[in-house]
Structures are given as structure tokens and as C-alpha cells.
């Protein structure tokens, strides 16, 4: 049994700075970047230096911690004002992934409840953010164990985007389930969808799986239907950026069409996410879908591939309704069908 899958940490607190893997240059280079201002962390989240719902939740929390650490305030009211300003700026970076708001809210609440003076409040914010990073890895390992029985020995599993260690602090959600199955001694092969336009599957998921020694096959997004119709996919497992209380899974664009095709061809479709990804206050119609820059579509790695003057739509996420979902894997337990009815009994 392997226990050393992808030991790199995506986000960490290092000597008063936020250190993260620069995912924009993977897989060609493995580079770490350090940030000592909340504005730098916000820019990194916006530009997808760090991405993936759990990872940006922790990164944003550490961004607030950096703001607290660098504040010149000499009283708690002034420090809270600086923290609140950073929190507002970080909240404005990306609208869809609920973990971002969860992470910020948690460290802000820790600051407000801290007893003692300014120094104590700063230490509390930093320790809370660091604690969240450690919790994330353990949460993902628990999630992996919950989902592992869904994967059978010899399965070929398809995944969309990157829901691995790089989307979290470590280990991963959807890839965490696959890793847990391999740790249990099962042979698992993975089909990786390229995931245009940012190619998180081709660049990031493939990087993780090759590094960990998995048998994986990269396909174009347009090959998904063929792979399923020809019987070459046993299961689909994806991550999530937000799961609403009515059972809708918001994940990287393209997930919905994968789910539709899986349903058409009788392939079980699973989503995997920690409790921090569940939005138990909103229904799916209240979620804002992020629209990203047109350049991501008309360019590939900096080279233009379209004629000038063409209109571009670039939604970053889509909504998979609960009737297409076989089950949702969480660290709190497995949420089976009907997922819209069973969520509240597992996520409390």
C-alpha cells in the first residue's frame, strides 16, 4: 500500500509569507511563489496561480493572516478594520467557489473572538489559517476513505478538470478517492479530460497522476462521448466548487455535459467535496457563475488561435443537477440518491 502520494503542499505558511505552487507554469516547471501582502494573494487567486476550491479557501485565509501580520494598527478596532478591508478584497476575486468565502469568514470570526490585545489577535488569525491547511489534508484523506468502496479493482475512472492535491492543500478530493482506492490495493486507471480552456486536466491532473505512477490516458474534451459509448469508462468522479442545499454541483465548465453523457450510457457519476464546499444557505438559482477573460479562449499558451473580431463567452463553471448524480462523496459521509433530499442528513 502506498502512503506517499503527491506529498507536495500546494499552499503553506512559511516564515510569515504565503507560499504556493505556481500552477500557471505546470507541468513544465515546478515553481513556488511567496506573497507577503493580501493584495498579492488576491492577485494569485484571480490569475489562478492557486486554484481549486479548497486551496483558494486556505489561500484566502492566509491572505487575511498576512494582512493582520502587516497591520500597523495599535488597537483591536484598527486591526479589525485592516482585516475587514483585506477580507473584502479577497472575497471579490472569484465568485463561484464557496470555500473562498468559508475560509475568509472563519479567520475573520477567529479575529473577532480573540481575547487579549493586538498581538494575540494576530497570532490567533495566523494559527487559525495554518490549522485550516492541516485540516484540509486530513479532511481529504477521510473523504477518500468514504469514497474508496465506490471504486472497484480494475476500474477505469474518468475525471474532469483537476480535483487533486493541487486543488487542495494536499491529497485531493476526486483524486483523493482514486488515491485511497490505490492505497487499498486496487488497480485503477484514469482517463483525464483535457478541460479547456485552461487545460487543468492536461496540465495539472496529468502531472499529478504521472508523478504518482498511475496509468492515465489524456483525451480531448470532444472525445468524452466516444469513450463512454465504446465502453471504455466504468465510473466518473469529479470535484466541486460549490454544492447547494438542493443538490446541484457547480464544478469546472464541461462537467455538466460529462454528467449528461454518463447518464446516457449508464456510467455512474460521482462528485467529491469536503464539507466546506457545501452551501447549505443557497439553492442553485442563487449562484453566480464566474465569467473569465476572453483571452483564455482565443489564446492557447499565449498564441492566438481564432480570428480577430469573434465574440467570446468564457463561463468558468457549470451546474450539474442532482438527477444526474449517482452520489456525492464528502468527509462527513456518502450522500446517496436522491442527493437533494439526503444532503441535510449528512452535512449539518
Foldseek 3Di string as FASTA:
>chain_A
DDDCAPPAFAWAQDPQWIKGFQLLPFPVDTDIDTHLALVVLLVCDLVPRAAAQQGLLLSLLVNLLSQLVPDPDFWLVSSLVSSVVSLVSSCPRAFFQLSNVVSSVVLSVQLVPFDDTSVSSSVSSNVVSNVSQVVFAVFQLLLLVQLQVVDAAPAEEEEEADQASRNHRHGGWQNVVVVSNVVVVGQYEYEFELQPLSRRRVGPVVSSCVVRPHHYHYDYLVCLLVCLVVPNHQAYEYEASAAELQGKGKDFPSVQVSLVSCVVRVHAYEYTYELSRYDDPDDPVPGDFDWDDQCSPQDHPRHGDDDPPDDGTGGGIDIHHQVSHQWYGYSQHIQGPVNSVRVVVRRD
